Amino acid sequence: MLNLADRYAALKNEIDALTAELNKVKGEIKATGMETIVGNMAIVTVGLSERSTLDTKAVKEILTAEQIADCTKITLVETLRVKPNVYISELA
């Protein structure tokens, strides 16, 4: 039975492979130039939207440090990192 670290790493590897495959299919869909593709199990539509982003470098040049601090929201973020257990791999 795999422990939590090994289960996490195995699932992450599967998801990464599936994500790469999904991105390839997305590219193929976009390359068709079609807005809608109808399949037997799904209908895929391609949409185009406009995104607005804030240039934080420019903002830092315009606002004072105090103004930036007043507008800054701090949140806690948990991160899981996976690396191979080299010691165990060498024993196998």
N, C-alpha and C. Protein backbone atom coordinates (compact mmCIF):
# COMPACT_ATOMS: atom_id res chain seq x y z
N MET A 1 0.85 -1.19 0.00
CA MET A 1 0.00 0.00 0.00
C MET A 1 0.89 1.25 0.00
N LEU A 2 0.55 2.20 -0.83
CA LEU A 2 1.32 3.43 -0.92
C LEU A 2 0.99 4.36 0.23
N ASN A 3 2.01 5.06 0.73
CA ASN A 3 1.73 6.06 1.75
C ASN A 3 1.24 7.34 1.07
N LEU A 4 0.90 8.33 1.86
CA LEU A 4 0.31 9.57 1.31
C LEU A 4 1.23 10.27 0.32
N ALA A 5 2.52 10.33 0.63
CA ALA A 5 3.46 11.01 -0.28
C ALA A 5 3.51 10.30 -1.62
N ASP A 6 3.58 8.97 -1.60
CA ASP A 6 3.65 8.21 -2.85
C ASP A 6 2.35 8.28 -3.63
N ARG A 7 1.21 8.23 -2.94
CA ARG A 7 -0.08 8.37 -3.62
C ARG A 7 -0.19 9.73 -4.28
N TYR A 8 0.22 10.78 -3.55
CA TYR A 8 0.15 12.13 -4.08
C TYR A 8 1.02 12.24 -5.34
N ALA A 9 2.26 11.74 -5.26
CA ALA A 9 3.18 11.83 -6.40
C ALA A 9 2.65 11.05 -7.60
N ALA A 10 2.10 9.86 -7.35
CA ALA A 10 1.57 9.05 -8.45
C ALA A 10 0.39 9.75 -9.13
N LEU A 11 -0.52 10.28 -8.34
CA LEU A 11 -1.67 10.99 -8.91
C LEU A 11 -1.24 12.24 -9.66
N LYS A 12 -0.28 12.97 -9.10
CA LYS A 12 0.21 14.18 -9.76
C LYS A 12 0.82 13.84 -11.11
N ASN A 13 1.59 12.75 -11.17
CA ASN A 13 2.18 12.33 -12.45
C ASN A 13 1.10 12.00 -13.47
N GLU A 14 0.05 11.30 -13.06
CA GLU A 14 -1.05 10.98 -13.97
C GLU A 14 -1.74 12.25 -14.45
N ILE A 15 -2.01 13.16 -13.52
CA ILE A 15 -2.69 14.42 -13.87
C ILE A 15 -1.83 15.24 -14.82
N ASP A 16 -0.52 15.31 -14.57
CA ASP A 16 0.38 16.06 -15.46
C ASP A 16 0.35 15.48 -16.87
N ALA A 17 0.35 14.15 -16.98
CA ALA A 17 0.29 13.51 -18.31
C ALA A 17 -1.04 13.80 -18.99
N LEU A 18 -2.12 13.72 -18.23
CA LEU A 18 -3.44 14.01 -18.80
C LEU A 18 -3.57 15.48 -19.18
N THR A 19 -2.99 16.37 -18.39
CA THR A 19 -3.02 17.80 -18.70
C THR A 19 -2.28 18.08 -20.00
N ALA A 20 -1.15 17.44 -20.19
CA ALA A 20 -0.40 17.61 -21.45
C ALA A 20 -1.23 17.12 -22.63
N GLU A 21 -1.89 15.98 -22.47
CA GLU A 21 -2.74 15.45 -23.54
C GLU A 21 -3.92 16.38 -23.80
N LEU A 22 -4.53 16.89 -22.73
CA LEU A 22 -5.66 17.82 -22.87
C LEU A 22 -5.22 19.09 -23.60
N ASN A 23 -4.05 19.62 -23.26
CA ASN A 23 -3.56 20.83 -23.92
C ASN A 23 -3.31 20.59 -25.40
N LYS A 24 -2.84 19.39 -25.75
CA LYS A 24 -2.64 19.05 -27.16
C LYS A 24 -3.99 19.04 -27.90
N VAL A 25 -5.00 18.44 -27.29
CA VAL A 25 -6.33 18.39 -27.91
C VAL A 25 -6.92 19.80 -28.02
N LYS A 26 -6.72 20.63 -26.98
CA LYS A 26 -7.19 22.02 -27.04
C LYS A 26 -6.58 22.73 -28.25
N GLY A 27 -5.27 22.52 -28.45
CA GLY A 27 -4.60 23.13 -29.60
C GLY A 27 -5.19 22.66 -30.92
N GLU A 28 -5.48 21.37 -30.99
CA GLU A 28 -6.08 20.83 -32.21
C GLU A 28 -7.47 21.42 -32.45
N ILE A 29 -8.24 21.57 -31.38
CA ILE A 29 -9.58 22.17 -31.51
C ILE A 29 -9.47 23.60 -32.01
N LYS A 30 -8.58 24.38 -31.40
CA LYS A 30 -8.41 25.78 -31.82
C LYS A 30 -7.94 25.87 -33.26
N ALA A 31 -7.07 24.92 -33.66
CA ALA A 31 -6.53 24.94 -35.02
C ALA A 31 -7.60 24.68 -36.09
N THR A 32 -8.73 24.07 -35.72
CA THR A 32 -9.79 23.84 -36.71
C THR A 32 -10.42 25.15 -37.14
N GLY A 33 -10.36 26.16 -36.27
CA GLY A 33 -10.99 27.43 -36.59
C GLY A 33 -12.50 27.41 -36.41
N MET A 34 -13.03 26.29 -35.94
CA MET A 34 -14.48 26.17 -35.76
C MET A 34 -14.88 26.71 -34.40
N GLU A 35 -16.05 27.33 -34.33
CA GLU A 35 -16.55 27.84 -33.06
C GLU A 35 -17.21 26.75 -32.24
N THR A 36 -17.77 25.75 -32.91
CA THR A 36 -18.46 24.67 -32.22
C THR A 36 -18.10 23.34 -32.87
N ILE A 37 -17.78 22.38 -32.03
CA ILE A 37 -17.54 21.02 -32.51
C ILE A 37 -18.49 20.10 -31.75
N VAL A 38 -19.30 19.36 -32.48
CA VAL A 38 -20.31 18.49 -31.89
C VAL A 38 -19.82 17.05 -31.97
N GLY A 39 -19.76 16.41 -30.82
CA GLY A 39 -19.39 15.00 -30.77
C GLY A 39 -20.56 14.18 -30.30
N ASN A 40 -20.33 12.89 -30.09
CA ASN A 40 -21.38 12.01 -29.60
C ASN A 40 -21.63 12.22 -28.10
N MET A 41 -20.58 12.58 -27.36
CA MET A 41 -20.71 12.72 -25.91
C MET A 41 -20.65 14.17 -25.43
N ALA A 42 -20.20 15.08 -26.28
CA ALA A 42 -20.02 16.46 -25.82
C ALA A 42 -20.09 17.43 -26.99
N ILE A 43 -20.38 18.66 -26.64
CA ILE A 43 -20.33 19.77 -27.58
C ILE A 43 -19.30 20.75 -27.03
N VAL A 44 -18.29 21.06 -27.82
CA VAL A 44 -17.23 21.97 -27.39
C VAL A 44 -17.38 23.27 -28.17
N THR A 45 -17.41 24.38 -27.45
CA THR A 45 -17.46 25.69 -28.10
C THR A 45 -16.19 26.46 -27.75
N VAL A 46 -15.72 27.21 -28.71
CA VAL A 46 -14.52 28.02 -28.54
C VAL A 46 -14.96 29.47 -28.44
N GLY A 47 -14.56 30.12 -27.38
CA GLY A 47 -14.92 31.52 -27.19
C GLY A 47 -13.68 32.39 -27.07
N LEU A 48 -13.84 33.63 -27.41
CA LEU A 48 -12.76 34.59 -27.29
C LEU A 48 -13.24 35.71 -26.38
N SER A 49 -12.42 36.02 -25.38
CA SER A 49 -12.78 37.10 -24.46
C SER A 49 -11.57 37.98 -24.23
N GLU A 50 -11.82 39.14 -23.71
CA GLU A 50 -10.76 40.09 -23.44
C GLU A 50 -10.48 40.10 -21.94
N ARG A 51 -9.22 40.08 -21.58
CA ARG A 51 -8.83 40.09 -20.17
C ARG A 51 -8.10 41.39 -19.86
N SER A 52 -8.42 41.96 -18.74
CA SER A 52 -7.74 43.17 -18.29
C SER A 52 -6.82 42.81 -17.13
N THR A 53 -5.57 43.24 -17.21
CA THR A 53 -4.62 42.97 -16.13
C THR A 53 -4.03 44.28 -15.63
N LEU A 54 -3.54 44.25 -14.42
CA LEU A 54 -2.95 45.44 -13.81
C LEU A 54 -1.43 45.33 -13.89
N ASP A 55 -0.81 46.34 -14.43
CA ASP A 55 0.65 46.38 -14.53
C ASP A 55 1.20 46.84 -13.18
N THR A 56 1.56 45.88 -12.34
CA THR A 56 2.00 46.22 -10.98
C THR A 56 3.31 47.00 -10.98
N LYS A 57 4.14 46.77 -11.97
CA LYS A 57 5.40 47.53 -12.04
C LYS A 57 5.10 49.02 -12.25
N ALA A 58 4.15 49.31 -13.13
CA ALA A 58 3.77 50.71 -13.38
C ALA A 58 3.09 51.30 -12.15
N VAL A 59 2.26 50.52 -11.48
CA VAL A 59 1.58 50.99 -10.27
C VAL A 59 2.60 51.37 -9.21
N LYS A 60 3.63 50.55 -9.05
CA LYS A 60 4.65 50.83 -8.03
C LYS A 60 5.43 52.11 -8.33
N GLU A 61 5.48 52.48 -9.60
CA GLU A 61 6.16 53.73 -9.97
C GLU A 61 5.27 54.94 -9.71
N ILE A 62 3.94 54.73 -9.68
CA ILE A 62 3.00 55.83 -9.52
C ILE A 62 2.60 56.04 -8.07
N LEU A 63 2.31 54.97 -7.36
CA LEU A 63 1.83 55.06 -5.98
C LEU A 63 2.99 55.04 -4.99
N THR A 64 2.71 55.57 -3.81
CA THR A 64 3.70 55.51 -2.75
C THR A 64 3.66 54.13 -2.10
N ALA A 65 4.69 53.82 -1.34
CA ALA A 65 4.74 52.53 -0.64
C ALA A 65 3.56 52.39 0.31
N GLU A 66 3.17 53.47 0.95
CA GLU A 66 2.02 53.45 1.87
C GLU A 66 0.72 53.16 1.11
N GLN A 67 0.54 53.78 -0.04
CA GLN A 67 -0.66 53.54 -0.83
C GLN A 67 -0.72 52.09 -1.31
N ILE A 68 0.43 51.57 -1.70
CA ILE A 68 0.48 50.18 -2.13
C ILE A 68 0.15 49.26 -0.95
N ALA A 69 0.69 49.55 0.23
CA ALA A 69 0.40 48.75 1.42
C ALA A 69 -1.08 48.79 1.75
N ASP A 70 -1.71 49.95 1.60
CA ASP A 70 -3.14 50.08 1.88
C ASP A 70 -3.98 49.23 0.92
N CYS A 71 -3.49 49.00 -0.26
CA CYS A 71 -4.24 48.25 -1.27
C CYS A 71 -3.81 46.77 -1.36
N THR A 72 -2.88 46.38 -0.54
CA THR A 72 -2.35 45.02 -0.60
C THR A 72 -3.14 44.10 0.31
N LYS A 73 -3.53 42.97 -0.25
CA LYS A 73 -4.25 41.95 0.51
C LYS A 73 -3.31 40.76 0.66
N ILE A 74 -3.13 40.31 1.89
CA ILE A 74 -2.24 39.19 2.16
C ILE A 74 -3.08 37.97 2.50
N THR A 75 -2.77 36.85 1.83
CA THR A 75 -3.47 35.60 2.10
C THR A 75 -2.43 34.50 2.32
N LEU A 76 -2.84 33.49 3.05
CA LEU A 76 -1.98 32.34 3.26
C LEU A 76 -2.20 31.35 2.13
N VAL A 77 -1.12 30.78 1.64
CA VAL A 77 -1.19 29.82 0.56
C VAL A 77 -0.42 28.57 0.98
N GLU A 78 -1.08 27.43 0.87
CA GLU A 78 -0.40 26.17 1.14
C GLU A 78 0.11 25.59 -0.16
N THR A 79 1.34 25.11 -0.17
CA THR A 79 1.94 24.56 -1.37
C THR A 79 2.48 23.17 -1.07
N LEU A 80 2.18 22.22 -1.94
CA LEU A 80 2.75 20.89 -1.85
C LEU A 80 3.76 20.74 -2.98
N ARG A 81 4.95 20.33 -2.66
CA ARG A 81 5.98 20.11 -3.67
C ARG A 81 6.34 18.63 -3.66
N VAL A 82 6.60 18.09 -4.82
CA VAL A 82 6.96 16.68 -4.95
C VAL A 82 8.35 16.58 -5.54
N LYS A 83 9.19 15.78 -4.91
CA LYS A 83 10.50 15.48 -5.47
C LYS A 83 10.78 14.00 -5.23
N PRO A 84 11.55 13.38 -6.10
CA PRO A 84 11.82 11.96 -5.93
C PRO A 84 12.63 11.71 -4.67
N ASN A 85 12.35 10.60 -4.03
CA ASN A 85 13.11 10.17 -2.87
C ASN A 85 14.33 9.44 -3.40
N VAL A 86 15.42 10.17 -3.60
CA VAL A 86 16.61 9.65 -4.26
C VAL A 86 17.17 8.46 -3.49
N TYR A 87 17.19 8.55 -2.18
CA TYR A 87 17.73 7.45 -1.37
C TYR A 87 16.99 6.15 -1.63
N ILE A 88 15.67 6.21 -1.62
CA ILE A 88 14.86 5.01 -1.84
C ILE A 88 15.02 4.53 -3.29
N SER A 89 15.07 5.47 -4.25
CA SER A 89 15.21 5.10 -5.65
C SER A 89 16.53 4.36 -5.90
N GLU A 90 17.59 4.76 -5.20
CA GLU A 90 18.88 4.13 -5.38
C GLU A 90 18.88 2.71 -4.82
N LEU A 91 18.04 2.45 -3.82
CA LEU A 91 17.97 1.12 -3.23
C LEU A 91 17.21 0.13 -4.10
N ALA A 92 16.33 0.65 -4.93
CA ALA A 92 15.48 -0.23 -5.75
C ALA A 92 16.23 -0.87 -6.89
